[in-house]
Amino acid sequence: MRYQGRLQNWNDQKGFGFVAPNGGGDKAFVHIKAFERLSRRPVEGDIVTYEIARDAQGRLQANAVRFAGQAAKQESDGAPGKFGPIFAVVFCVALVAGVLMQKIPSLVAAAYVAMSVVAFFVYGKDKRAAELGDWRTEEVKLHALGLLCGWPGALFAQRVFRHKSRKREFQATFWGTVVVNIVAMLFLNSASGRAWLGL
């Protein structure tokens, strides 16, 4: 028999929490490994359907967990997310043009390439950890990678791995780091910025 309930006390770093059945009743422990066809990271308040089982100590645990209305949500969320990679491509083209016109040092472009590669692989590793319920990369570290010139690679990783692209709080902070990085890069490559650096 399948039940429907809401995720509560969800610990995103450790990948577990509880599900409270609609209409009342005992909560059941739920681990991320119990999710079927996991298309994204669960968040607090998600409505899910599940089956009930008991562990060796007789405690309730949720099995065969699925997001309620998962297919409809995937369809509605499929279109968003294209802006990020397009923005990254436009930025990279502008960056290369700046280097060719000798407006931007080649070392700056190299920094974006190197940090983007690192960010891409770190996001991929974190996505894999999320699926397996292993230890996660802290979000502050992901944001630090974006701030330190890795955000183009992070944008592609979010699209490719479908990771962190729908978490509003994360995206708000992430785009904040993008703005800060671009503003800092433009300032440091301006006449005022170079004077400030003593160049």
N, C-alpha and C. Protein backbone atom coordinates (compact mmCIF):
# COMPACT_ATOMS: atom_id res chain seq x y z
N MET A 1 0.84 -1.20 0.00
CA MET A 1 0.00 0.00 0.00
C MET A 1 0.88 1.25 0.00
N ARG A 2 0.52 2.21 -0.84
CA ARG A 2 1.29 3.45 -0.92
C ARG A 2 0.59 4.55 -0.13
N TYR A 3 1.42 5.39 0.47
CA TYR A 3 0.93 6.52 1.25
C TYR A 3 1.46 7.80 0.61
N GLN A 4 0.83 8.90 1.00
CA GLN A 4 1.31 10.21 0.55
C GLN A 4 1.58 11.06 1.77
N GLY A 5 2.70 11.78 1.75
CA GLY A 5 3.05 12.61 2.90
C GLY A 5 4.01 13.72 2.51
N ARG A 6 4.45 14.45 3.53
CA ARG A 6 5.32 15.61 3.32
C ARG A 6 6.65 15.40 4.04
N LEU A 7 7.76 15.73 3.37
CA LEU A 7 9.07 15.61 3.98
C LEU A 7 9.25 16.65 5.09
N GLN A 8 9.75 16.19 6.22
CA GLN A 8 10.00 17.07 7.36
C GLN A 8 11.39 16.81 7.92
N ASN A 9 11.96 17.83 8.54
CA ASN A 9 13.29 17.71 9.17
C ASN A 9 14.32 17.12 8.21
N TRP A 10 14.25 17.56 6.95
CA TRP A 10 15.16 17.01 5.94
C TRP A 10 16.56 17.59 6.11
N ASN A 11 17.54 16.72 6.25
CA ASN A 11 18.95 17.11 6.37
C ASN A 11 19.61 16.90 5.01
N ASP A 12 19.79 17.99 4.28
CA ASP A 12 20.28 17.86 2.91
C ASP A 12 21.71 17.37 2.86
N GLN A 13 22.52 17.75 3.84
CA GLN A 13 23.91 17.32 3.83
C GLN A 13 24.06 15.82 4.04
N LYS A 14 23.23 15.27 4.94
CA LYS A 14 23.33 13.84 5.25
C LYS A 14 22.36 12.98 4.43
N GLY A 15 21.38 13.63 3.79
CA GLY A 15 20.49 12.89 2.91
C GLY A 15 19.43 12.06 3.60
N PHE A 16 18.88 12.56 4.70
CA PHE A 16 17.78 11.83 5.33
C PHE A 16 16.88 12.80 6.09
N GLY A 17 15.72 12.30 6.45
CA GLY A 17 14.74 13.09 7.20
C GLY A 17 13.57 12.20 7.55
N PHE A 18 12.38 12.81 7.64
CA PHE A 18 11.18 12.06 7.97
C PHE A 18 10.06 12.46 7.01
N VAL A 19 9.10 11.58 6.87
CA VAL A 19 7.92 11.89 6.07
C VAL A 19 6.70 11.70 6.95
N ALA A 20 5.87 12.75 7.00
CA ALA A 20 4.65 12.73 7.80
C ALA A 20 3.47 12.46 6.88
N PRO A 21 2.69 11.41 7.13
CA PRO A 21 1.58 11.08 6.24
C PRO A 21 0.49 12.13 6.25
N ASN A 22 -0.09 12.39 5.09
CA ASN A 22 -1.24 13.29 5.02
C ASN A 22 -2.40 12.71 5.82
N GLY A 23 -3.05 13.54 6.58
CA GLY A 23 -4.17 13.07 7.38
C GLY A 23 -3.76 12.63 8.77
N GLY A 24 -2.46 12.72 9.08
CA GLY A 24 -2.00 12.36 10.42
C GLY A 24 -1.48 10.94 10.50
N GLY A 25 -0.78 10.66 11.56
CA GLY A 25 -0.20 9.34 11.75
C GLY A 25 1.27 9.44 12.10
N ASP A 26 1.90 8.30 12.30
CA ASP A 26 3.30 8.27 12.70
C ASP A 26 4.22 8.63 11.53
N LYS A 27 5.26 9.37 11.85
CA LYS A 27 6.26 9.71 10.85
C LYS A 27 7.13 8.49 10.54
N ALA A 28 7.64 8.46 9.33
CA ALA A 28 8.55 7.38 8.93
C ALA A 28 9.89 7.98 8.53
N PHE A 29 10.95 7.30 8.92
CA PHE A 29 12.29 7.72 8.53
C PHE A 29 12.47 7.51 7.03
N VAL A 30 13.13 8.45 6.36
CA VAL A 30 13.36 8.31 4.92
C VAL A 30 14.80 8.71 4.59
N HIS A 31 15.47 7.85 3.84
CA HIS A 31 16.83 8.12 3.38
C HIS A 31 16.80 8.36 1.88
N ILE A 32 17.73 9.14 1.40
CA ILE A 32 17.73 9.48 -0.02
C ILE A 32 17.86 8.24 -0.90
N LYS A 33 18.48 7.19 -0.39
CA LYS A 33 18.61 5.95 -1.16
C LYS A 33 17.27 5.25 -1.37
N ALA A 34 16.25 5.65 -0.59
CA ALA A 34 14.93 5.03 -0.73
C ALA A 34 14.13 5.63 -1.88
N PHE A 35 14.64 6.72 -2.50
CA PHE A 35 13.92 7.35 -3.60
C PHE A 35 14.12 6.58 -4.90
N GLU A 36 13.03 6.45 -5.66
CA GLU A 36 13.09 5.83 -6.98
C GLU A 36 13.15 6.92 -8.05
N ARG A 37 13.89 6.68 -9.12
CA ARG A 37 13.97 7.62 -10.24
C ARG A 37 14.24 9.04 -9.73
N LEU A 38 15.27 9.17 -8.93
CA LEU A 38 15.59 10.46 -8.33
C LEU A 38 16.04 11.44 -9.40
N SER A 39 15.23 12.47 -9.66
CA SER A 39 15.52 13.44 -10.70
C SER A 39 16.13 14.72 -10.15
N ARG A 40 16.05 14.91 -8.85
CA ARG A 40 16.60 16.10 -8.21
C ARG A 40 16.78 15.82 -6.73
N ARG A 41 17.41 16.74 -6.04
CA ARG A 41 17.63 16.59 -4.60
C ARG A 41 16.34 16.92 -3.86
N PRO A 42 15.89 16.05 -2.93
CA PRO A 42 14.70 16.36 -2.14
C PRO A 42 14.92 17.60 -1.28
N VAL A 43 13.84 18.32 -1.01
CA VAL A 43 13.91 19.49 -0.15
C VAL A 43 12.79 19.43 0.88
N GLU A 44 12.96 20.18 1.95
CA GLU A 44 11.96 20.26 3.01
C GLU A 44 10.60 20.63 2.43
N GLY A 45 9.56 19.89 2.81
CA GLY A 45 8.21 20.20 2.37
C GLY A 45 7.77 19.49 1.11
N ASP A 46 8.65 18.75 0.46
CA ASP A 46 8.26 18.00 -0.75
C ASP A 46 7.14 17.02 -0.43
N ILE A 47 6.18 16.92 -1.34
CA ILE A 47 5.12 15.92 -1.22
C ILE A 47 5.59 14.66 -1.94
N VAL A 48 5.55 13.54 -1.25
CA VAL A 48 6.03 12.28 -1.82
C VAL A 48 5.01 11.17 -1.58
N THR A 49 5.12 10.12 -2.37
CA THR A 49 4.37 8.89 -2.11
C THR A 49 5.38 7.82 -1.75
N TYR A 50 4.96 6.87 -0.92
CA TYR A 50 5.93 5.90 -0.40
C TYR A 50 5.22 4.67 0.14
N GLU A 51 6.01 3.63 0.37
CA GLU A 51 5.54 2.43 1.03
C GLU A 51 6.17 2.36 2.42
N ILE A 52 5.50 1.66 3.32
CA ILE A 52 5.95 1.57 4.71
C ILE A 52 6.59 0.21 4.98
N ALA A 53 7.69 0.24 5.70
CA ALA A 53 8.34 -0.99 6.17
C ALA A 53 8.88 -0.71 7.56
N ARG A 54 9.41 -1.73 8.20
CA ARG A 54 10.00 -1.56 9.53
C ARG A 54 11.42 -2.11 9.50
N ASP A 55 12.32 -1.40 10.19
CA ASP A 55 13.70 -1.87 10.25
C ASP A 55 13.86 -2.94 11.32
N ALA A 56 15.09 -3.35 11.59
CA ALA A 56 15.34 -4.43 12.54
C ALA A 56 14.88 -4.09 13.95
N GLN A 57 14.83 -2.78 14.25
CA GLN A 57 14.38 -2.35 15.58
C GLN A 57 12.89 -2.05 15.62
N GLY A 58 12.19 -2.32 14.52
CA GLY A 58 10.75 -2.11 14.48
C GLY A 58 10.33 -0.68 14.18
N ARG A 59 11.26 0.17 13.78
CA ARG A 59 10.93 1.56 13.49
C ARG A 59 10.42 1.71 12.06
N LEU A 60 9.49 2.64 11.88
CA LEU A 60 8.92 2.87 10.56
C LEU A 60 9.95 3.52 9.64
N GLN A 61 10.01 3.03 8.42
CA GLN A 61 10.86 3.66 7.42
C GLN A 61 10.15 3.63 6.07
N ALA A 62 10.40 4.66 5.28
CA ALA A 62 9.75 4.79 3.98
C ALA A 62 10.61 4.14 2.90
N ASN A 63 9.96 3.37 2.04
CA ASN A 63 10.63 2.71 0.92
C ASN A 63 9.95 3.09 -0.38
N ALA A 64 10.63 2.86 -1.50
CA ALA A 64 10.07 3.11 -2.83
C ALA A 64 9.45 4.51 -2.90
N VAL A 65 10.23 5.50 -2.46
CA VAL A 65 9.73 6.88 -2.37
C VAL A 65 9.78 7.54 -3.75
N ARG A 66 8.71 8.25 -4.07
CA ARG A 66 8.63 8.99 -5.33
C ARG A 66 8.07 10.37 -5.07
N PHE A 67 8.49 11.34 -5.87
CA PHE A 67 7.91 12.67 -5.79
C PHE A 67 6.48 12.62 -6.33
N ALA A 68 5.56 13.25 -5.63
CA ALA A 68 4.17 13.30 -6.11
C ALA A 68 4.12 14.18 -7.36
N GLY A 69 3.47 13.69 -8.42
CA GLY A 69 3.38 14.45 -9.66
C GLY A 69 4.72 14.71 -10.30
N GLN A 70 5.62 13.76 -10.19
CA GLN A 70 6.99 13.94 -10.66
C GLN A 70 7.05 14.20 -12.16
N ALA A 71 6.29 13.46 -12.94
CA ALA A 71 6.35 13.61 -14.40
C ALA A 71 5.93 15.01 -14.82
N ALA A 72 4.84 15.53 -14.21
CA ALA A 72 4.37 16.86 -14.56
C ALA A 72 5.39 17.92 -14.19
N LYS A 73 6.03 17.75 -13.05
CA LYS A 73 7.01 18.73 -12.61
C LYS A 73 8.23 18.73 -13.51
N GLN A 74 8.66 17.56 -13.94
CA GLN A 74 9.81 17.49 -14.83
C GLN A 74 9.52 18.22 -16.14
N GLU A 75 8.31 18.08 -16.64
CA GLU A 75 7.95 18.73 -17.89
C GLU A 75 7.93 20.23 -17.74
N SER A 76 7.37 20.72 -16.61
CA SER A 76 7.27 22.16 -16.42
C SER A 76 8.62 22.78 -16.12
N ASP A 77 9.56 22.01 -15.55
CA ASP A 77 10.87 22.54 -15.20
C ASP A 77 11.90 22.32 -16.30
N GLY A 78 11.49 21.71 -17.42
CA GLY A 78 12.47 21.37 -18.42
C GLY A 78 13.02 22.57 -19.17
N ALA A 79 12.15 23.57 -19.45
CA ALA A 79 12.59 24.71 -20.23
C ALA A 79 13.56 25.63 -19.49
N PRO A 80 13.27 26.02 -18.22
CA PRO A 80 14.21 26.90 -17.52
C PRO A 80 15.58 26.26 -17.39
N GLY A 81 16.58 27.08 -17.30
CA GLY A 81 17.93 26.57 -17.15
C GLY A 81 18.78 26.77 -18.40
N LYS A 82 18.15 27.13 -19.52
CA LYS A 82 18.90 27.36 -20.75
C LYS A 82 19.62 28.70 -20.72
N PHE A 83 19.09 29.64 -19.95
CA PHE A 83 19.69 30.97 -19.89
C PHE A 83 21.13 30.92 -19.38
N GLY A 84 21.35 30.09 -18.36
CA GLY A 84 22.68 30.02 -17.74
C GLY A 84 23.78 29.67 -18.72
N PRO A 85 23.68 28.52 -19.42
CA PRO A 85 24.73 28.16 -20.38
C PRO A 85 24.88 29.18 -21.51
N ILE A 86 23.77 29.75 -21.97
CA ILE A 86 23.85 30.77 -23.03
C ILE A 86 24.61 31.99 -22.53
N PHE A 87 24.29 32.39 -21.30
CA PHE A 87 24.99 33.53 -20.70
C PHE A 87 26.48 33.24 -20.58
N ALA A 88 26.81 32.01 -20.18
CA ALA A 88 28.22 31.63 -20.03
C ALA A 88 28.94 31.67 -21.38
N VAL A 89 28.27 31.20 -22.44
CA VAL A 89 28.88 31.21 -23.77
C VAL A 89 29.13 32.65 -24.23
N VAL A 90 28.13 33.51 -24.05
CA VAL A 90 28.27 34.92 -24.43
C VAL A 90 29.44 35.56 -23.68
N PHE A 91 29.52 35.27 -22.38
CA PHE A 91 30.61 35.82 -21.58
C PHE A 91 31.96 35.33 -22.08
N CYS A 92 32.06 34.03 -22.38
CA CYS A 92 33.33 33.46 -22.84
C CYS A 92 33.74 34.05 -24.18
N VAL A 93 32.78 34.27 -25.07
CA VAL A 93 33.08 34.90 -26.36
C VAL A 93 33.61 36.31 -26.14
N ALA A 94 32.94 37.05 -25.25
CA ALA A 94 33.38 38.41 -24.94
C ALA A 94 34.77 38.40 -24.29
N LEU A 95 35.01 37.39 -23.46
CA LEU A 95 36.31 37.27 -22.79
C LEU A 95 37.43 37.02 -23.81
N VAL A 96 37.17 36.10 -24.74
CA VAL A 96 38.16 35.81 -25.79
C VAL A 96 38.40 37.05 -26.65
N ALA A 97 37.32 37.75 -26.98
CA ALA A 97 37.46 38.97 -27.78
C ALA A 97 38.30 40.00 -27.04
N GLY A 98 38.08 40.10 -25.74
CA GLY A 98 38.86 41.04 -24.94
C GLY A 98 40.34 40.69 -24.92
N VAL A 99 40.63 39.39 -24.87
CA VAL A 99 42.03 38.95 -24.90
C VAL A 99 42.66 39.26 -26.25
N LEU A 100 41.94 38.96 -27.35
CA LEU A 100 42.46 39.20 -28.69
C LEU A 100 42.69 40.68 -28.96
N MET A 101 41.84 41.51 -28.35
CA MET A 101 41.98 42.97 -28.51
C MET A 101 42.96 43.55 -27.49
N GLN A 102 43.54 42.66 -26.68
CA GLN A 102 44.52 43.06 -25.66
C GLN A 102 43.92 44.00 -24.62
N LYS A 103 42.63 43.82 -24.38
CA LYS A 103 41.95 44.58 -23.33
C LYS A 103 41.95 43.81 -22.01
N ILE A 104 42.06 42.49 -22.12
CA ILE A 104 42.04 41.62 -20.95
C ILE A 104 43.27 40.72 -21.00
N PRO A 105 44.03 40.61 -19.92
CA PRO A 105 45.21 39.74 -19.90
C PRO A 105 44.84 38.28 -20.14
N SER A 106 45.70 37.57 -20.85
CA SER A 106 45.43 36.16 -21.13
C SER A 106 45.38 35.33 -19.85
N LEU A 107 46.08 35.78 -18.81
CA LEU A 107 46.05 35.05 -17.54
C LEU A 107 44.65 35.06 -16.93
N VAL A 108 43.90 36.12 -17.18
CA VAL A 108 42.53 36.19 -16.66
C VAL A 108 41.68 35.12 -17.34
N ALA A 109 41.80 35.01 -18.67
CA ALA A 109 41.06 33.98 -19.40
C ALA A 109 41.48 32.60 -18.94
N ALA A 110 42.76 32.41 -18.70
CA ALA A 110 43.25 31.11 -18.23
C ALA A 110 42.67 30.76 -16.87
N ALA A 111 42.51 31.77 -16.03
CA ALA A 111 41.93 31.55 -14.70
C ALA A 111 40.49 31.08 -14.81
N TYR A 112 39.72 31.69 -15.73
CA TYR A 112 38.33 31.28 -15.93
C TYR A 112 38.25 29.85 -16.45
N VAL A 113 39.14 29.51 -17.37
CA VAL A 113 39.13 28.15 -17.92
C VAL A 113 39.47 27.13 -16.84
N ALA A 114 40.54 27.38 -16.10
CA ALA A 114 40.99 26.43 -15.08
C ALA A 114 39.95 26.26 -13.98
N MET A 115 39.42 27.36 -13.48
CA MET A 115 38.46 27.28 -12.38
C MET A 115 37.13 26.70 -12.85
N SER A 116 36.78 26.93 -14.12
CA SER A 116 35.53 26.36 -14.65
C SER A 116 35.63 24.85 -14.74
N VAL A 117 36.80 24.36 -15.15
CA VAL A 117 37.00 22.90 -15.20
C VAL A 117 36.89 22.30 -13.81
N VAL A 118 37.52 22.96 -12.84
CA VAL A 118 37.45 22.48 -11.46
C VAL A 118 36.00 22.48 -10.97
N ALA A 119 35.29 23.59 -11.22
CA ALA A 119 33.90 23.70 -10.77
C ALA A 119 33.03 22.62 -11.40
N PHE A 120 33.22 22.36 -12.69
CA PHE A 120 32.42 21.36 -13.39
C PHE A 120 32.57 19.99 -12.72
N PHE A 121 33.80 19.60 -12.43
CA PHE A 121 34.03 18.29 -11.83
C PHE A 121 33.56 18.24 -10.38
N VAL A 122 33.67 19.35 -9.65
CA VAL A 122 33.19 19.36 -8.26
C VAL A 122 31.67 19.23 -8.23
N TYR A 123 30.97 19.91 -9.14
CA TYR A 123 29.52 19.77 -9.22
C TYR A 123 29.13 18.34 -9.57
N GLY A 124 29.87 17.75 -10.51
CA GLY A 124 29.58 16.37 -10.88
C GLY A 124 29.78 15.42 -9.73
N LYS A 125 30.84 15.63 -8.97
CA LYS A 125 31.11 14.80 -7.79
C LYS A 125 30.01 14.97 -6.75
N ASP A 126 29.55 16.21 -6.56
CA ASP A 126 28.50 16.46 -5.57
C ASP A 126 27.18 15.85 -6.00
N LYS A 127 26.89 15.89 -7.30
CA LYS A 127 25.67 15.27 -7.81
C LYS A 127 25.70 13.76 -7.56
N ARG A 128 26.85 13.15 -7.81
CA ARG A 128 26.99 11.71 -7.58
C ARG A 128 26.80 11.39 -6.11
N ALA A 129 27.38 12.22 -5.25
CA ALA A 129 27.24 12.01 -3.81
C ALA A 129 25.78 12.15 -3.38
N ALA A 130 25.06 13.08 -4.02
CA ALA A 130 23.65 13.27 -3.69
C ALA A 130 22.83 12.04 -4.04
N GLU A 131 23.15 11.43 -5.17
CA GLU A 131 22.41 10.24 -5.61
C GLU A 131 22.70 9.03 -4.72
N LEU A 132 23.92 8.97 -4.21
CA LEU A 132 24.32 7.82 -3.39
C LEU A 132 24.11 8.05 -1.90
N GLY A 133 23.77 9.29 -1.54
CA GLY A 133 23.59 9.59 -0.13
C GLY A 133 24.90 9.73 0.62
N ASP A 134 26.00 10.00 -0.10
CA ASP A 134 27.31 10.15 0.53
C ASP A 134 27.50 11.59 1.01
N TRP A 135 28.68 11.85 1.60
CA TRP A 135 28.97 13.19 2.08
C TRP A 135 29.01 14.17 0.93
N ARG A 136 28.39 15.34 1.15
CA ARG A 136 28.24 16.35 0.11
C ARG A 136 29.30 17.43 0.20
N THR A 137 29.50 18.13 -0.91
CA THR A 137 30.33 19.33 -0.92
C THR A 137 29.50 20.47 -0.36
N GLU A 138 30.04 21.20 0.59
CA GLU A 138 29.30 22.30 1.20
C GLU A 138 28.98 23.36 0.15
N GLU A 139 27.78 23.95 0.26
CA GLU A 139 27.36 24.93 -0.73
C GLU A 139 28.27 26.15 -0.73
N VAL A 140 28.80 26.50 0.44
CA VAL A 140 29.70 27.67 0.49
C VAL A 140 30.93 27.43 -0.37
N LYS A 141 31.37 26.18 -0.48
CA LYS A 141 32.52 25.87 -1.33
C LYS A 141 32.16 25.96 -2.81
N LEU A 142 30.94 25.55 -3.14
CA LEU A 142 30.48 25.67 -4.53
C LEU A 142 30.39 27.15 -4.91
N HIS A 143 29.89 27.97 -3.99
CA HIS A 143 29.80 29.40 -4.26
C HIS A 143 31.18 30.03 -4.38
N ALA A 144 32.12 29.55 -3.57
CA ALA A 144 33.49 30.07 -3.63
C ALA A 144 34.11 29.79 -5.00
N LEU A 145 33.85 28.60 -5.54
CA LEU A 145 34.35 28.27 -6.87
C LEU A 145 33.78 29.22 -7.92
N GLY A 146 32.49 29.52 -7.79
CA GLY A 146 31.87 30.45 -8.73
C GLY A 146 32.46 31.84 -8.62
N LEU A 147 32.67 32.29 -7.39
CA LEU A 147 33.22 33.62 -7.16
C LEU A 147 34.63 33.75 -7.70
N LEU A 148 35.40 32.66 -7.60
CA LEU A 148 36.80 32.67 -8.05
C LEU A 148 36.93 32.24 -9.51
N CYS A 149 36.05 32.78 -10.36
CA CYS A 149 36.12 32.62 -11.82
C CYS A 149 35.60 31.28 -12.34
N GLY A 150 35.05 30.42 -11.47
CA GLY A 150 34.58 29.12 -11.94
C GLY A 150 33.12 29.06 -12.31
N TRP A 151 32.43 30.21 -12.27
CA TRP A 151 30.98 30.18 -12.50
C TRP A 151 30.57 29.73 -13.92
N PRO A 152 31.34 30.02 -14.99
CA PRO A 152 30.90 29.49 -16.29
C PRO A 152 30.82 27.96 -16.29
N GLY A 153 31.84 27.31 -15.73
CA GLY A 153 31.81 25.85 -15.64
C GLY A 153 30.71 25.36 -14.73
N ALA A 154 30.43 26.12 -13.67
CA ALA A 154 29.35 25.76 -12.75
C ALA A 154 28.00 25.80 -13.45
N LEU A 155 27.80 26.80 -14.31
CA LEU A 155 26.54 26.90 -15.05
C LEU A 155 26.34 25.71 -15.97
N PHE A 156 27.38 25.32 -16.67
CA PHE A 156 27.27 24.15 -17.54
C PHE A 156 27.03 22.88 -16.71
N ALA A 157 27.69 22.79 -15.56
CA ALA A 157 27.50 21.62 -14.70
C ALA A 157 26.07 21.53 -14.19
N GLN A 158 25.51 22.67 -13.81
CA GLN A 158 24.13 22.68 -13.33
C GLN A 158 23.18 22.17 -14.40
N ARG A 159 23.47 22.52 -15.64
CA ARG A 159 22.63 22.09 -16.75
C ARG A 159 22.84 20.61 -17.08
N VAL A 160 24.10 20.21 -17.19
CA VAL A 160 24.44 18.83 -17.57
C VAL A 160 23.99 17.84 -16.51
N PHE A 161 24.30 18.14 -15.25
CA PHE A 161 23.99 17.20 -14.16
C PHE A 161 22.61 17.43 -13.55
N ARG A 162 21.93 18.51 -13.98
CA ARG A 162 20.63 18.88 -13.39
C ARG A 162 20.78 18.97 -11.87
N HIS A 163 21.76 19.74 -11.48
CA HIS A 163 22.14 19.81 -10.07
C HIS A 163 22.15 21.26 -9.60
N LYS A 164 21.42 21.55 -8.54
CA LYS A 164 21.36 22.87 -7.91
C LYS A 164 20.68 23.91 -8.79
N SER A 165 20.07 23.50 -9.88
CA SER A 165 19.50 24.47 -10.82
C SER A 165 18.10 24.92 -10.43
N ARG A 166 17.44 24.22 -9.50
CA ARG A 166 16.07 24.58 -9.13
C ARG A 166 15.95 25.01 -7.66
N LYS A 167 17.05 25.00 -6.95
CA LYS A 167 17.04 25.42 -5.55
C LYS A 167 17.17 26.94 -5.50
N ARG A 168 16.07 27.61 -5.15
CA ARG A 168 16.02 29.06 -5.29
C ARG A 168 17.06 29.78 -4.45
N GLU A 169 17.20 29.37 -3.19
CA GLU A 169 18.17 30.04 -2.32
C GLU A 169 19.59 29.90 -2.87
N PHE A 170 19.90 28.72 -3.34
CA PHE A 170 21.24 28.50 -3.91
C PHE A 170 21.44 29.36 -5.14
N GLN A 171 20.44 29.38 -6.03
CA GLN A 171 20.57 30.14 -7.26
C GLN A 171 20.70 31.64 -7.00
N ALA A 172 19.98 32.14 -6.00
CA ALA A 172 20.07 33.57 -5.67
C ALA A 172 21.49 33.93 -5.24
N THR A 173 22.07 33.10 -4.38
CA THR A 173 23.44 33.35 -3.93
C THR A 173 24.43 33.15 -5.07
N PHE A 174 24.19 32.11 -5.87
CA PHE A 174 25.09 31.82 -6.98
C PHE A 174 25.18 32.99 -7.95
N TRP A 175 24.02 33.53 -8.35
CA TRP A 175 24.03 34.63 -9.30
C TRP A 175 24.61 35.89 -8.68
N GLY A 176 24.52 35.98 -7.35
CA GLY A 176 25.19 37.09 -6.67
C GLY A 176 26.70 36.99 -6.83
N THR A 177 27.23 35.77 -6.73
CA THR A 177 28.68 35.58 -6.91
C THR A 177 29.09 35.86 -8.36
N VAL A 178 28.21 35.55 -9.30
CA VAL A 178 28.51 35.83 -10.71
C VAL A 178 28.64 37.33 -10.93
N VAL A 179 27.68 38.08 -10.39
CA VAL A 179 27.70 39.54 -10.55
C VAL A 179 28.95 40.13 -9.91
N VAL A 180 29.25 39.69 -8.69
CA VAL A 180 30.44 40.21 -7.99
C VAL A 180 31.71 39.89 -8.77
N ASN A 181 31.79 38.67 -9.31
CA ASN A 181 32.98 38.28 -10.06
C ASN A 181 33.16 39.13 -11.31
N ILE A 182 32.08 39.32 -12.06
CA ILE A 182 32.17 40.10 -13.30
C ILE A 182 32.51 41.55 -13.01
N VAL A 183 31.85 42.13 -12.01
CA VAL A 183 32.13 43.52 -11.65
C VAL A 183 33.58 43.68 -11.21
N ALA A 184 34.07 42.74 -10.41
CA ALA A 184 35.46 42.80 -9.94
C ALA A 184 36.43 42.67 -11.11
N MET A 185 36.13 41.75 -12.04
CA MET A 185 37.00 41.55 -13.19
C MET A 185 37.06 42.80 -14.06
N LEU A 186 35.90 43.42 -14.31
CA LEU A 186 35.85 44.62 -15.13
C LEU A 186 36.58 45.78 -14.46
N PHE A 187 36.40 45.89 -13.14
CA PHE A 187 37.07 46.98 -12.42
C PHE A 187 38.58 46.81 -12.44
N LEU A 188 39.04 45.60 -12.15
CA LEU A 188 40.49 45.36 -12.08
C LEU A 188 41.17 45.51 -13.44
N ASN A 189 40.38 45.38 -14.52
CA ASN A 189 40.95 45.55 -15.86
C ASN A 189 40.72 46.95 -16.43
N SER A 190 40.11 47.82 -15.62
CA SER A 190 39.92 49.20 -16.04
C SER A 190 41.15 50.03 -15.64
N ALA A 191 41.20 51.26 -16.14
CA ALA A 191 42.32 52.14 -15.78
C ALA A 191 42.36 52.39 -14.28
N SER A 192 41.18 52.60 -13.69
CA SER A 192 41.11 52.84 -12.24
C SER A 192 41.57 51.61 -11.47
N GLY A 193 41.16 50.44 -11.94
CA GLY A 193 41.53 49.21 -11.27
C GLY A 193 43.02 48.95 -11.34
N ARG A 194 43.60 49.19 -12.50
CA ARG A 194 45.04 48.98 -12.65
C ARG A 194 45.83 49.97 -11.81
N ALA A 195 45.30 51.20 -11.71
CA ALA A 195 45.96 52.19 -10.86
C ALA A 195 45.87 51.76 -9.40
N TRP A 196 44.72 51.20 -9.03
CA TRP A 196 44.53 50.73 -7.65
C TRP A 196 45.48 49.58 -7.34
N LEU A 197 45.74 48.75 -8.35
CA LEU A 197 46.68 47.64 -8.18
C LEU A 197 48.13 48.09 -8.29
N GLY A 198 48.32 49.33 -8.71
CA GLY A 198 49.67 49.84 -8.86
C GLY A 198 50.35 49.39 -10.13
N LEU A 199 49.54 49.04 -11.15
CA LEU A 199 50.11 48.57 -12.43
C LEU A 199 50.23 49.71 -13.43
